[in-house]
Amino acid sequence: MKQELPPITPTTPGAAVPRRGHWLLAGLGRLILKLMGWRIVGELPDVERAVLVVAPHTSNIDGVIGLSAIQALRIHVKFMGKHTLFEGRLGRLMYWLGGIPVNRDSAQDLVEQTVTAMQRQPCWLGIAPEGTRKGAHRWKTGFYRIAEEQDIPVVVLGFCYRRRQVRVVGSVMPTGDLEADLQWMVHMLGDIVPRHPELLSTPFLAQKADSDL
């Protein structure tokens, strides 16, 4: 049984953590979480830039919970999106939500584009490294390169439906040993119960198989 984590409230983030959002939206985020019976727990590093890794990801409801938590805490979290989504009225909404437009056809790779965008303004970058809700075989590792190039921490969290908690389980500075760091992240998320456990990605299934031996 892993140790229970302390609650995270709007006053928890340190002075260096970038903030955004109106107090009305923060109140709405807290209300949504309360009505759904969820709370936010764990510890946040006091840094102005970080990569926020979310796993396992098995349901669209994860997005509702995650967005509500971000609004509730008023942390400036951005996410990557295809550049064509940032055109017209939809584009204004995407920017407002914290989107970073990336061009997959550009000679400049996605990691470099994202690092450049993060350097313009302090923010945290939210990523679901599984890349799908349907049992990915492996994690996409671009988030690790983004953290390495900026020498910033990877903050690891999961949505535990058994506890109804957004659980920030830890953070780590990239060591350069990708496989070891990924194993640590999967281990720290090992007791997260997603909405659809049957859709767990291969790294989580492998860890579960090892623990059952």
N, C-alpha and C. Protein backbone atom coordinates (compact mmCIF):
# COMPACT_ATOMS: atom_id res chain seq x y z
N MET A 1 0.85 -1.20 0.00
CA MET A 1 0.00 0.00 0.00
C MET A 1 0.88 1.24 0.00
N LYS A 2 0.69 2.09 -1.01
CA LYS A 2 1.51 3.29 -1.09
C LYS A 2 0.97 4.35 -0.14
N GLN A 3 1.88 5.21 0.32
CA GLN A 3 1.53 6.25 1.28
C GLN A 3 0.50 7.21 0.69
N GLU A 4 -0.46 7.60 1.55
CA GLU A 4 -1.45 8.57 1.10
C GLU A 4 -0.78 9.93 0.90
N LEU A 5 -1.31 10.69 -0.04
CA LEU A 5 -0.70 11.95 -0.43
C LEU A 5 -1.47 13.13 0.14
N PRO A 6 -0.77 14.23 0.42
CA PRO A 6 -1.44 15.41 0.99
C PRO A 6 -2.31 16.11 -0.06
N PRO A 7 -3.36 16.81 0.39
CA PRO A 7 -4.21 17.53 -0.56
C PRO A 7 -3.48 18.70 -1.21
N ILE A 8 -3.84 18.99 -2.45
CA ILE A 8 -3.34 20.16 -3.17
C ILE A 8 -4.50 21.13 -3.33
N THR A 9 -4.31 22.35 -2.89
CA THR A 9 -5.34 23.38 -2.97
C THR A 9 -4.83 24.53 -3.85
N PRO A 10 -5.67 25.51 -4.16
CA PRO A 10 -5.20 26.64 -4.98
C PRO A 10 -4.04 27.41 -4.35
N THR A 11 -3.86 27.31 -3.03
CA THR A 11 -2.76 28.01 -2.38
C THR A 11 -1.49 27.17 -2.27
N THR A 12 -1.55 25.91 -2.70
CA THR A 12 -0.40 25.00 -2.58
C THR A 12 0.76 25.36 -3.51
N PRO A 13 0.52 25.64 -4.81
CA PRO A 13 1.65 25.88 -5.72
C PRO A 13 2.56 27.01 -5.23
N GLY A 14 3.87 26.80 -5.37
CA GLY A 14 4.85 27.78 -4.93
C GLY A 14 4.88 29.01 -5.82
N ALA A 15 5.68 29.99 -5.42
CA ALA A 15 5.73 31.28 -6.11
C ALA A 15 6.24 31.16 -7.54
N ALA A 16 7.08 30.16 -7.84
CA ALA A 16 7.65 30.04 -9.18
C ALA A 16 6.69 29.39 -10.17
N VAL A 17 5.69 28.68 -9.69
CA VAL A 17 4.75 27.98 -10.57
C VAL A 17 3.94 29.00 -11.36
N PRO A 18 3.94 28.92 -12.71
CA PRO A 18 3.21 29.91 -13.52
C PRO A 18 1.70 29.75 -13.33
N ARG A 19 1.02 30.90 -13.21
CA ARG A 19 -0.42 30.86 -12.97
C ARG A 19 -1.16 31.56 -14.11
N ARG A 20 -2.41 31.15 -14.34
CA ARG A 20 -3.26 31.80 -15.31
C ARG A 20 -4.71 31.50 -14.94
N GLY A 21 -5.63 32.21 -15.58
CA GLY A 21 -7.04 31.92 -15.39
C GLY A 21 -7.72 32.88 -14.42
N HIS A 22 -9.00 33.05 -14.62
CA HIS A 22 -9.81 33.94 -13.80
C HIS A 22 -10.34 33.19 -12.59
N TRP A 23 -10.60 33.91 -11.50
CA TRP A 23 -11.08 33.25 -10.28
C TRP A 23 -12.43 32.59 -10.50
N LEU A 24 -13.24 33.12 -11.45
CA LEU A 24 -14.53 32.48 -11.72
C LEU A 24 -14.33 31.08 -12.33
N LEU A 25 -13.37 30.97 -13.27
CA LEU A 25 -13.08 29.67 -13.86
C LEU A 25 -12.48 28.73 -12.83
N ALA A 26 -11.64 29.27 -11.93
CA ALA A 26 -11.07 28.45 -10.86
C ALA A 26 -12.18 27.89 -9.98
N GLY A 27 -13.17 28.74 -9.66
CA GLY A 27 -14.29 28.29 -8.86
C GLY A 27 -15.11 27.23 -9.58
N LEU A 28 -15.27 27.40 -10.90
CA LEU A 28 -16.02 26.41 -11.68
C LEU A 28 -15.28 25.07 -11.69
N GLY A 29 -13.96 25.13 -11.83
CA GLY A 29 -13.18 23.89 -11.82
C GLY A 29 -13.33 23.16 -10.50
N ARG A 30 -13.26 23.90 -9.40
CA ARG A 30 -13.40 23.28 -8.08
C ARG A 30 -14.81 22.70 -7.91
N LEU A 31 -15.81 23.42 -8.43
CA LEU A 31 -17.19 22.95 -8.31
C LEU A 31 -17.38 21.64 -9.07
N ILE A 32 -16.84 21.58 -10.29
CA ILE A 32 -16.98 20.36 -11.09
C ILE A 32 -16.34 19.17 -10.38
N LEU A 33 -15.14 19.37 -9.85
CA LEU A 33 -14.47 18.28 -9.12
C LEU A 33 -15.28 17.86 -7.90
N LYS A 34 -15.84 18.83 -7.19
CA LYS A 34 -16.64 18.53 -6.00
C LYS A 34 -17.88 17.73 -6.36
N LEU A 35 -18.57 18.15 -7.43
CA LEU A 35 -19.78 17.45 -7.84
C LEU A 35 -19.48 16.03 -8.31
N MET A 36 -18.28 15.84 -8.88
CA MET A 36 -17.88 14.51 -9.34
C MET A 36 -17.28 13.68 -8.22
N GLY A 37 -17.03 14.33 -7.06
CA GLY A 37 -16.48 13.61 -5.92
C GLY A 37 -14.98 13.42 -5.98
N TRP A 38 -14.28 14.29 -6.76
CA TRP A 38 -12.84 14.16 -6.93
C TRP A 38 -12.09 15.21 -6.14
N ARG A 39 -10.81 14.90 -5.81
CA ARG A 39 -9.92 15.88 -5.21
C ARG A 39 -8.51 15.70 -5.76
N ILE A 40 -7.66 16.69 -5.53
CA ILE A 40 -6.30 16.69 -6.05
C ILE A 40 -5.34 16.48 -4.90
N VAL A 41 -4.40 15.53 -5.04
CA VAL A 41 -3.46 15.23 -3.96
C VAL A 41 -2.05 15.08 -4.52
N GLY A 42 -1.07 15.23 -3.64
CA GLY A 42 0.32 15.02 -4.04
C GLY A 42 1.20 16.21 -3.69
N GLU A 43 2.32 16.33 -4.39
CA GLU A 43 3.25 17.44 -4.17
C GLU A 43 3.70 17.99 -5.51
N LEU A 44 3.74 19.31 -5.62
CA LEU A 44 4.14 19.98 -6.84
C LEU A 44 5.50 20.65 -6.66
N PRO A 45 6.42 20.48 -7.62
CA PRO A 45 7.69 21.20 -7.52
C PRO A 45 7.46 22.69 -7.76
N ASP A 46 8.25 23.51 -7.09
CA ASP A 46 8.12 24.96 -7.23
C ASP A 46 9.04 25.43 -8.35
N VAL A 47 8.60 25.21 -9.59
CA VAL A 47 9.40 25.56 -10.77
C VAL A 47 8.51 26.26 -11.79
N GLU A 48 9.14 27.08 -12.66
CA GLU A 48 8.34 27.83 -13.63
C GLU A 48 8.10 27.05 -14.92
N ARG A 49 8.90 26.00 -15.16
CA ARG A 49 8.68 25.15 -16.33
C ARG A 49 8.79 23.68 -15.92
N ALA A 50 7.90 22.86 -16.46
CA ALA A 50 7.92 21.42 -16.18
C ALA A 50 7.13 20.71 -17.26
N VAL A 51 7.39 19.43 -17.42
CA VAL A 51 6.58 18.58 -18.29
C VAL A 51 5.68 17.73 -17.40
N LEU A 52 4.39 17.84 -17.63
CA LEU A 52 3.39 17.15 -16.82
C LEU A 52 2.93 15.90 -17.56
N VAL A 53 3.35 14.73 -17.09
CA VAL A 53 3.03 13.46 -17.75
C VAL A 53 1.82 12.83 -17.08
N VAL A 54 0.80 12.52 -17.88
CA VAL A 54 -0.46 11.96 -17.37
C VAL A 54 -0.64 10.55 -17.91
N ALA A 55 -0.78 9.57 -17.00
CA ALA A 55 -0.99 8.18 -17.40
C ALA A 55 -1.51 7.40 -16.18
N PRO A 56 -2.21 6.29 -16.40
CA PRO A 56 -2.71 5.81 -17.69
C PRO A 56 -3.89 6.65 -18.17
N HIS A 57 -4.09 6.65 -19.50
CA HIS A 57 -5.17 7.45 -20.11
C HIS A 57 -6.09 6.49 -20.86
N THR A 58 -7.30 6.25 -20.32
CA THR A 58 -8.19 5.25 -20.92
C THR A 58 -9.59 5.78 -21.23
N SER A 59 -9.85 7.08 -20.96
CA SER A 59 -11.21 7.59 -21.12
C SER A 59 -11.20 9.08 -21.44
N ASN A 60 -12.21 9.52 -22.19
CA ASN A 60 -12.38 10.95 -22.46
C ASN A 60 -12.69 11.72 -21.18
N ILE A 61 -13.25 11.04 -20.18
CA ILE A 61 -13.57 11.70 -18.91
C ILE A 61 -12.29 12.20 -18.24
N ASP A 62 -11.16 11.56 -18.53
CA ASP A 62 -9.88 12.03 -18.00
C ASP A 62 -9.66 13.49 -18.35
N GLY A 63 -10.03 13.88 -19.57
CA GLY A 63 -9.83 15.25 -20.00
C GLY A 63 -10.67 16.23 -19.21
N VAL A 64 -11.91 15.85 -18.89
CA VAL A 64 -12.79 16.72 -18.10
C VAL A 64 -12.20 16.92 -16.71
N ILE A 65 -11.74 15.84 -16.11
CA ILE A 65 -11.15 15.91 -14.77
C ILE A 65 -9.87 16.73 -14.79
N GLY A 66 -9.02 16.46 -15.78
CA GLY A 66 -7.74 17.16 -15.87
C GLY A 66 -7.92 18.65 -16.09
N LEU A 67 -8.81 19.04 -17.01
CA LEU A 67 -9.04 20.45 -17.28
C LEU A 67 -9.63 21.14 -16.05
N SER A 68 -10.53 20.46 -15.35
CA SER A 68 -11.12 21.03 -14.14
C SER A 68 -10.06 21.25 -13.06
N ALA A 69 -9.13 20.28 -12.94
CA ALA A 69 -8.06 20.41 -11.95
C ALA A 69 -7.13 21.57 -12.28
N ILE A 70 -6.79 21.71 -13.56
CA ILE A 70 -5.92 22.81 -13.98
C ILE A 70 -6.58 24.15 -13.70
N GLN A 71 -7.87 24.27 -14.04
CA GLN A 71 -8.59 25.51 -13.79
C GLN A 71 -8.68 25.78 -12.29
N ALA A 72 -8.95 24.73 -11.51
CA ALA A 72 -9.10 24.90 -10.06
C ALA A 72 -7.82 25.44 -9.42
N LEU A 73 -6.66 24.96 -9.89
CA LEU A 73 -5.38 25.37 -9.30
C LEU A 73 -4.80 26.60 -9.99
N ARG A 74 -5.35 26.98 -11.14
CA ARG A 74 -4.90 28.13 -11.90
C ARG A 74 -3.41 28.01 -12.30
N ILE A 75 -3.00 26.79 -12.63
CA ILE A 75 -1.65 26.58 -13.13
C ILE A 75 -1.65 26.75 -14.64
N HIS A 76 -0.63 27.45 -15.17
CA HIS A 76 -0.54 27.69 -16.61
C HIS A 76 0.01 26.44 -17.28
N VAL A 77 -0.89 25.59 -17.76
CA VAL A 77 -0.52 24.35 -18.44
C VAL A 77 -0.86 24.46 -19.92
N LYS A 78 0.09 24.14 -20.78
CA LYS A 78 -0.13 24.14 -22.21
C LYS A 78 -0.13 22.71 -22.75
N PHE A 79 -0.63 22.55 -23.96
CA PHE A 79 -0.63 21.25 -24.61
C PHE A 79 -0.36 21.45 -26.09
N MET A 80 0.11 20.40 -26.76
CA MET A 80 0.42 20.48 -28.18
C MET A 80 -0.81 20.14 -29.01
N GLY A 81 -0.95 20.83 -30.16
CA GLY A 81 -2.04 20.56 -31.08
C GLY A 81 -1.60 20.82 -32.51
N LYS A 82 -2.23 20.13 -33.47
CA LYS A 82 -1.91 20.32 -34.88
C LYS A 82 -2.15 21.77 -35.27
N HIS A 83 -1.21 22.35 -36.03
CA HIS A 83 -1.26 23.79 -36.31
C HIS A 83 -2.54 24.23 -37.02
N THR A 84 -3.15 23.33 -37.80
CA THR A 84 -4.36 23.71 -38.53
C THR A 84 -5.56 23.93 -37.60
N LEU A 85 -5.47 23.43 -36.37
CA LEU A 85 -6.56 23.62 -35.41
C LEU A 85 -6.57 25.03 -34.83
N PHE A 86 -5.52 25.80 -35.12
CA PHE A 86 -5.37 27.12 -34.53
C PHE A 86 -5.77 28.23 -35.50
N GLU A 87 -6.62 27.88 -36.44
CA GLU A 87 -7.09 28.85 -37.42
C GLU A 87 -8.52 29.28 -37.11
N GLY A 88 -8.86 30.53 -37.39
CA GLY A 88 -10.23 31.02 -37.22
C GLY A 88 -10.69 31.02 -35.78
N ARG A 89 -12.01 30.86 -35.60
CA ARG A 89 -12.60 30.92 -34.26
C ARG A 89 -12.13 29.78 -33.39
N LEU A 90 -12.02 28.59 -33.98
CA LEU A 90 -11.51 27.45 -33.21
C LEU A 90 -10.10 27.73 -32.73
N GLY A 91 -9.30 28.39 -33.56
CA GLY A 91 -7.93 28.71 -33.19
C GLY A 91 -7.85 29.59 -31.96
N ARG A 92 -8.75 30.58 -31.90
CA ARG A 92 -8.75 31.46 -30.72
C ARG A 92 -9.07 30.67 -29.46
N LEU A 93 -10.00 29.72 -29.58
CA LEU A 93 -10.33 28.88 -28.43
C LEU A 93 -9.15 28.00 -28.04
N MET A 94 -8.45 27.44 -29.03
CA MET A 94 -7.31 26.57 -28.76
C MET A 94 -6.20 27.33 -28.05
N TYR A 95 -5.93 28.56 -28.51
CA TYR A 95 -4.93 29.38 -27.83
C TYR A 95 -5.36 29.69 -26.40
N TRP A 96 -6.64 30.02 -26.23
CA TRP A 96 -7.15 30.38 -24.90
C TRP A 96 -7.04 29.20 -23.94
N LEU A 97 -7.26 27.99 -24.43
CA LEU A 97 -7.17 26.80 -23.59
C LEU A 97 -5.73 26.44 -23.24
N GLY A 98 -4.76 27.03 -23.96
CA GLY A 98 -3.37 26.75 -23.66
C GLY A 98 -2.66 25.92 -24.72
N GLY A 99 -3.23 25.89 -25.93
CA GLY A 99 -2.64 25.08 -26.99
C GLY A 99 -1.37 25.67 -27.56
N ILE A 100 -0.45 24.78 -27.97
CA ILE A 100 0.77 25.16 -28.68
C ILE A 100 0.66 24.57 -30.09
N PRO A 101 0.57 25.41 -31.14
CA PRO A 101 0.46 24.87 -32.49
C PRO A 101 1.78 24.26 -32.96
N VAL A 102 1.73 23.04 -33.47
CA VAL A 102 2.92 22.38 -34.00
C VAL A 102 2.61 21.89 -35.40
N ASN A 103 3.60 21.97 -36.26
CA ASN A 103 3.46 21.58 -37.66
C ASN A 103 4.25 20.31 -37.90
N ARG A 104 3.53 19.20 -38.09
CA ARG A 104 4.20 17.91 -38.28
C ARG A 104 4.93 17.83 -39.61
N ASP A 105 4.62 18.74 -40.54
CA ASP A 105 5.29 18.73 -41.84
C ASP A 105 6.52 19.64 -41.88
N SER A 106 6.77 20.33 -40.77
CA SER A 106 7.89 21.26 -40.73
C SER A 106 9.21 20.52 -40.58
N ALA A 107 10.27 21.12 -41.14
CA ALA A 107 11.60 20.54 -40.98
C ALA A 107 12.05 20.62 -39.52
N GLN A 108 11.50 21.59 -38.81
CA GLN A 108 11.81 21.74 -37.39
C GLN A 108 10.97 20.72 -36.63
N ASP A 109 11.61 19.79 -35.90
CA ASP A 109 10.83 18.71 -35.30
C ASP A 109 9.95 19.19 -34.16
N LEU A 110 9.01 18.33 -33.75
CA LEU A 110 8.01 18.71 -32.76
C LEU A 110 8.64 19.08 -31.43
N VAL A 111 9.71 18.39 -31.06
CA VAL A 111 10.37 18.70 -29.79
C VAL A 111 10.92 20.11 -29.83
N GLU A 112 11.61 20.46 -30.91
CA GLU A 112 12.20 21.79 -31.03
C GLU A 112 11.12 22.87 -31.06
N GLN A 113 10.02 22.61 -31.79
CA GLN A 113 8.93 23.58 -31.85
C GLN A 113 8.35 23.81 -30.46
N THR A 114 8.17 22.73 -29.71
CA THR A 114 7.56 22.85 -28.38
C THR A 114 8.49 23.56 -27.41
N VAL A 115 9.78 23.21 -27.46
CA VAL A 115 10.76 23.88 -26.58
C VAL A 115 10.78 25.37 -26.87
N THR A 116 10.77 25.73 -28.15
CA THR A 116 10.77 27.14 -28.53
C THR A 116 9.55 27.85 -27.96
N ALA A 117 8.37 27.21 -28.07
CA ALA A 117 7.14 27.82 -27.56
C ALA A 117 7.19 27.97 -26.04
N MET A 118 7.74 26.99 -25.35
CA MET A 118 7.81 27.05 -23.89
C MET A 118 8.79 28.12 -23.42
N GLN A 119 9.81 28.39 -24.22
CA GLN A 119 10.80 29.40 -23.83
C GLN A 119 10.25 30.82 -23.95
N ARG A 120 9.21 30.99 -24.77
CA ARG A 120 8.64 32.33 -24.93
C ARG A 120 7.93 32.80 -23.66
N GLN A 121 7.37 31.84 -22.90
CA GLN A 121 6.61 32.19 -21.71
C GLN A 121 6.66 31.02 -20.73
N PRO A 122 6.96 31.27 -19.46
CA PRO A 122 6.99 30.18 -18.48
C PRO A 122 5.64 29.44 -18.45
N CYS A 123 5.70 28.12 -18.53
CA CYS A 123 4.49 27.31 -18.48
C CYS A 123 4.87 25.87 -18.18
N TRP A 124 3.87 25.07 -17.85
CA TRP A 124 4.03 23.63 -17.76
C TRP A 124 3.40 23.02 -18.99
N LEU A 125 3.96 21.93 -19.49
CA LEU A 125 3.44 21.26 -20.67
C LEU A 125 2.79 19.95 -20.27
N GLY A 126 1.50 19.79 -20.57
CA GLY A 126 0.79 18.56 -20.25
C GLY A 126 0.80 17.59 -21.42
N ILE A 127 1.18 16.34 -21.17
CA ILE A 127 1.27 15.32 -22.22
C ILE A 127 0.77 13.97 -21.70
N ALA A 128 -0.02 13.28 -22.54
CA ALA A 128 -0.38 11.88 -22.27
C ALA A 128 0.51 11.02 -23.16
N PRO A 129 1.61 10.47 -22.63
CA PRO A 129 2.61 9.82 -23.49
C PRO A 129 2.15 8.53 -24.14
N GLU A 130 1.04 7.96 -23.67
CA GLU A 130 0.53 6.75 -24.33
C GLU A 130 0.00 7.07 -25.72
N GLY A 131 -0.48 8.33 -25.92
CA GLY A 131 -0.92 8.75 -27.24
C GLY A 131 -2.23 8.18 -27.71
N THR A 132 -2.86 7.33 -26.93
CA THR A 132 -4.13 6.71 -27.29
C THR A 132 -4.81 6.22 -26.02
N ARG A 133 -6.13 6.04 -26.09
CA ARG A 133 -6.87 5.51 -24.93
C ARG A 133 -7.02 4.00 -25.00
N LYS A 134 -6.47 3.36 -26.02
CA LYS A 134 -6.76 1.95 -26.26
C LYS A 134 -5.52 1.07 -26.21
N GLY A 135 -4.89 1.03 -25.06
CA GLY A 135 -3.83 0.06 -24.83
C GLY A 135 -2.61 0.19 -25.71
N ALA A 136 -1.91 1.32 -25.61
CA ALA A 136 -0.70 1.54 -26.41
C ALA A 136 0.36 0.49 -26.09
N HIS A 137 1.17 0.15 -27.08
CA HIS A 137 2.25 -0.82 -26.86
C HIS A 137 3.43 -0.18 -26.13
N ARG A 138 3.64 1.11 -26.36
CA ARG A 138 4.75 1.80 -25.71
C ARG A 138 4.40 3.28 -25.56
N TRP A 139 5.16 3.96 -24.69
CA TRP A 139 4.99 5.40 -24.52
C TRP A 139 5.76 6.14 -25.60
N LYS A 140 5.19 7.26 -26.07
CA LYS A 140 5.94 8.17 -26.92
C LYS A 140 6.90 8.96 -26.02
N THR A 141 8.13 9.14 -26.46
CA THR A 141 9.16 9.67 -25.55
C THR A 141 9.59 11.11 -25.88
N GLY A 142 8.85 11.79 -26.74
CA GLY A 142 9.18 13.18 -27.04
C GLY A 142 9.17 14.05 -25.81
N PHE A 143 8.28 13.74 -24.85
CA PHE A 143 8.21 14.54 -23.62
C PHE A 143 9.53 14.51 -22.87
N TYR A 144 10.23 13.38 -22.94
CA TYR A 144 11.49 13.23 -22.22
C TYR A 144 12.56 14.13 -22.83
N ARG A 145 12.58 14.18 -24.17
CA ARG A 145 13.55 15.06 -24.85
C ARG A 145 13.26 16.53 -24.56
N ILE A 146 11.97 16.88 -24.49
CA ILE A 146 11.59 18.25 -24.16
C ILE A 146 12.11 18.63 -22.78
N ALA A 147 11.96 17.71 -21.82
CA ALA A 147 12.45 17.97 -20.46
C ALA A 147 13.97 18.01 -20.42
N GLU A 148 14.62 17.09 -21.15
CA GLU A 148 16.10 17.05 -21.18
C GLU A 148 16.68 18.34 -21.74
N GLU A 149 16.14 18.79 -22.88
CA GLU A 149 16.71 19.96 -23.55
C GLU A 149 16.59 21.22 -22.71
N GLN A 150 15.58 21.28 -21.84
CA GLN A 150 15.40 22.47 -21.00
C GLN A 150 15.91 22.27 -19.58
N ASP A 151 16.34 21.04 -19.26
CA ASP A 151 16.78 20.71 -17.90
C ASP A 151 15.69 21.05 -16.89
N ILE A 152 14.49 20.51 -17.16
CA ILE A 152 13.34 20.76 -16.29
C ILE A 152 12.77 19.43 -15.82
N PRO A 153 12.02 19.41 -14.71
CA PRO A 153 11.51 18.15 -14.19
C PRO A 153 10.32 17.61 -14.96
N VAL A 154 10.15 16.30 -14.86
CA VAL A 154 8.94 15.63 -15.33
C VAL A 154 8.07 15.36 -14.11
N VAL A 155 6.88 15.94 -14.11
CA VAL A 155 5.92 15.76 -13.01
C VAL A 155 4.94 14.67 -13.43
N VAL A 156 4.75 13.66 -12.60
CA VAL A 156 3.99 12.48 -12.99
C VAL A 156 2.68 12.43 -12.21
N LEU A 157 1.56 12.28 -12.94
CA LEU A 157 0.27 12.18 -12.26
C LEU A 157 -0.64 11.20 -12.98
N GLY A 158 -1.65 10.73 -12.25
CA GLY A 158 -2.64 9.84 -12.82
C GLY A 158 -4.00 10.11 -12.22
N PHE A 159 -5.04 9.70 -12.93
CA PHE A 159 -6.42 9.84 -12.45
C PHE A 159 -6.87 8.49 -11.89
N CYS A 160 -6.98 8.41 -10.57
CA CYS A 160 -7.34 7.15 -9.92
C CYS A 160 -8.85 7.14 -9.66
N TYR A 161 -9.56 6.30 -10.40
CA TYR A 161 -11.01 6.26 -10.28
C TYR A 161 -11.46 5.51 -9.03
N ARG A 162 -10.62 4.64 -8.48
CA ARG A 162 -10.99 3.97 -7.23
C ARG A 162 -11.01 4.95 -6.07
N ARG A 163 -9.99 5.80 -5.99
CA ARG A 163 -9.91 6.80 -4.92
C ARG A 163 -10.65 8.09 -5.28
N ARG A 164 -10.94 8.29 -6.58
CA ARG A 164 -11.45 9.57 -7.10
C ARG A 164 -10.48 10.70 -6.75
N GLN A 165 -9.23 10.48 -7.16
CA GLN A 165 -8.18 11.45 -6.90
C GLN A 165 -7.36 11.72 -8.15
N VAL A 166 -7.04 12.99 -8.36
CA VAL A 166 -5.97 13.37 -9.28
C VAL A 166 -4.70 13.27 -8.46
N ARG A 167 -3.87 12.25 -8.73
CA ARG A 167 -2.74 11.94 -7.86
C ARG A 167 -1.42 12.37 -8.54
N VAL A 168 -0.78 13.40 -7.97
CA VAL A 168 0.57 13.80 -8.41
C VAL A 168 1.53 12.93 -7.61
N VAL A 169 2.06 11.90 -8.25
CA VAL A 169 2.78 10.86 -7.50
C VAL A 169 4.27 11.16 -7.34
N GLY A 170 4.80 12.14 -8.06
CA GLY A 170 6.21 12.47 -7.90
C GLY A 170 6.73 13.26 -9.09
N SER A 171 7.99 13.65 -9.01
CA SER A 171 8.64 14.34 -10.13
C SER A 171 10.10 13.89 -10.18
N VAL A 172 10.68 13.98 -11.37
CA VAL A 172 12.04 13.51 -11.56
C VAL A 172 12.73 14.38 -12.60
N MET A 173 14.00 14.67 -12.36
CA MET A 173 14.83 15.32 -13.37
C MET A 173 15.37 14.22 -14.29
N PRO A 174 15.31 14.40 -15.60
CA PRO A 174 15.85 13.40 -16.52
C PRO A 174 17.30 13.08 -16.20
N THR A 175 17.61 11.79 -16.08
CA THR A 175 18.97 11.37 -15.75
C THR A 175 19.80 11.07 -16.98
N GLY A 176 19.13 10.98 -18.15
CA GLY A 176 19.81 10.54 -19.36
C GLY A 176 19.61 9.06 -19.62
N ASP A 177 19.18 8.33 -18.58
CA ASP A 177 18.87 6.89 -18.73
C ASP A 177 17.36 6.79 -18.95
N LEU A 178 16.93 6.87 -20.21
CA LEU A 178 15.52 6.91 -20.55
C LEU A 178 14.75 5.72 -20.00
N GLU A 179 15.25 4.53 -20.22
CA GLU A 179 14.52 3.33 -19.80
C GLU A 179 14.34 3.28 -18.29
N ALA A 180 15.39 3.63 -17.56
CA ALA A 180 15.29 3.61 -16.10
C ALA A 180 14.28 4.65 -15.61
N ASP A 181 14.31 5.83 -16.21
CA ASP A 181 13.37 6.88 -15.80
C ASP A 181 11.93 6.50 -16.14
N LEU A 182 11.72 5.87 -17.30
CA LEU A 182 10.37 5.44 -17.67
C LEU A 182 9.88 4.36 -16.71
N GLN A 183 10.75 3.43 -16.34
CA GLN A 183 10.36 2.39 -15.39
C GLN A 183 9.97 2.99 -14.05
N TRP A 184 10.70 4.03 -13.62
CA TRP A 184 10.36 4.69 -12.36
C TRP A 184 8.98 5.32 -12.44
N MET A 185 8.68 5.97 -13.56
CA MET A 185 7.37 6.61 -13.73
C MET A 185 6.25 5.59 -13.71
N VAL A 186 6.42 4.49 -14.43
CA VAL A 186 5.39 3.44 -14.46
C VAL A 186 5.21 2.85 -13.07
N HIS A 187 6.33 2.65 -12.36
CA HIS A 187 6.24 2.13 -10.99
C HIS A 187 5.47 3.07 -10.08
N MET A 188 5.75 4.37 -10.16
CA MET A 188 5.08 5.33 -9.30
C MET A 188 3.58 5.40 -9.58
N LEU A 189 3.19 5.08 -10.81
CA LEU A 189 1.78 5.10 -11.20
C LEU A 189 1.12 3.73 -11.05
N GLY A 190 1.85 2.79 -10.47
CA GLY A 190 1.40 1.40 -10.45
C GLY A 190 0.10 1.14 -9.72
N ASP A 191 -0.26 1.98 -8.74
CA ASP A 191 -1.50 1.73 -8.00
C ASP A 191 -2.65 2.61 -8.48
N ILE A 192 -2.47 3.32 -9.60
CA ILE A 192 -3.55 4.10 -10.20
C ILE A 192 -4.55 3.14 -10.85
N VAL A 193 -5.83 3.31 -10.54
CA VAL A 193 -6.88 2.50 -11.16
C VAL A 193 -7.62 3.38 -12.17
N PRO A 194 -7.42 3.17 -13.48
CA PRO A 194 -8.06 4.02 -14.48
C PRO A 194 -9.54 3.67 -14.64
N ARG A 195 -10.23 4.47 -15.44
CA ARG A 195 -11.65 4.22 -15.68
C ARG A 195 -11.87 2.88 -16.37
N HIS A 196 -10.96 2.54 -17.29
CA HIS A 196 -11.08 1.28 -18.03
C HIS A 196 -9.79 0.48 -17.88
N PRO A 197 -9.64 -0.29 -16.81
CA PRO A 197 -8.39 -1.05 -16.59
C PRO A 197 -8.07 -2.02 -17.73
N GLU A 198 -9.10 -2.46 -18.47
CA GLU A 198 -8.86 -3.39 -19.57
C GLU A 198 -8.12 -2.73 -20.74
N LEU A 199 -8.00 -1.39 -20.71
CA LEU A 199 -7.31 -0.67 -21.77
C LEU A 199 -5.92 -0.18 -21.35
N LEU A 200 -5.38 -0.74 -20.28
CA LEU A 200 -4.04 -0.35 -19.85
C LEU A 200 -3.01 -0.60 -20.94
N SER A 201 -2.02 0.28 -21.03
CA SER A 201 -0.97 0.13 -22.02
C SER A 201 0.01 -0.96 -21.59
N THR A 202 0.81 -1.42 -22.55
CA THR A 202 1.72 -2.54 -22.30
C THR A 202 2.69 -2.31 -21.13
N PRO A 203 3.29 -1.11 -20.94
CA PRO A 203 4.19 -0.93 -19.79
C PRO A 203 3.50 -1.21 -18.46
N PHE A 204 2.23 -0.81 -18.30
CA PHE A 204 1.52 -1.08 -17.06
C PHE A 204 1.18 -2.55 -16.92
N LEU A 205 0.80 -3.19 -18.02
CA LEU A 205 0.49 -4.62 -17.98
C LEU A 205 1.73 -5.44 -17.64
N ALA A 206 2.89 -5.03 -18.17
CA ALA A 206 4.13 -5.73 -17.88
C ALA A 206 4.50 -5.60 -16.41
N GLN A 207 4.32 -4.41 -15.86
CA GLN A 207 4.62 -4.21 -14.45
C GLN A 207 3.68 -5.04 -13.57
N LYS A 208 2.40 -5.08 -13.92
CA LYS A 208 1.43 -5.86 -13.17
C LYS A 208 1.78 -7.35 -13.21
N ALA A 209 2.21 -7.82 -14.40
CA ALA A 209 2.59 -9.22 -14.53
C ALA A 209 3.80 -9.55 -13.65
N ASP A 210 4.77 -8.61 -13.61
CA ASP A 210 5.96 -8.83 -12.77
C ASP A 210 5.60 -8.86 -11.29
N SER A 211 4.67 -7.99 -10.87
CA SER A 211 4.29 -7.94 -9.47
C SER A 211 3.49 -9.14 -9.04
N ASP A 212 2.85 -9.80 -9.99
CA ASP A 212 2.05 -10.99 -9.68
C ASP A 212 2.88 -12.25 -9.58
N LEU A 213 4.16 -12.17 -10.02
CA LEU A 213 5.03 -13.36 -9.97
C LEU A 213 5.42 -13.73 -8.54
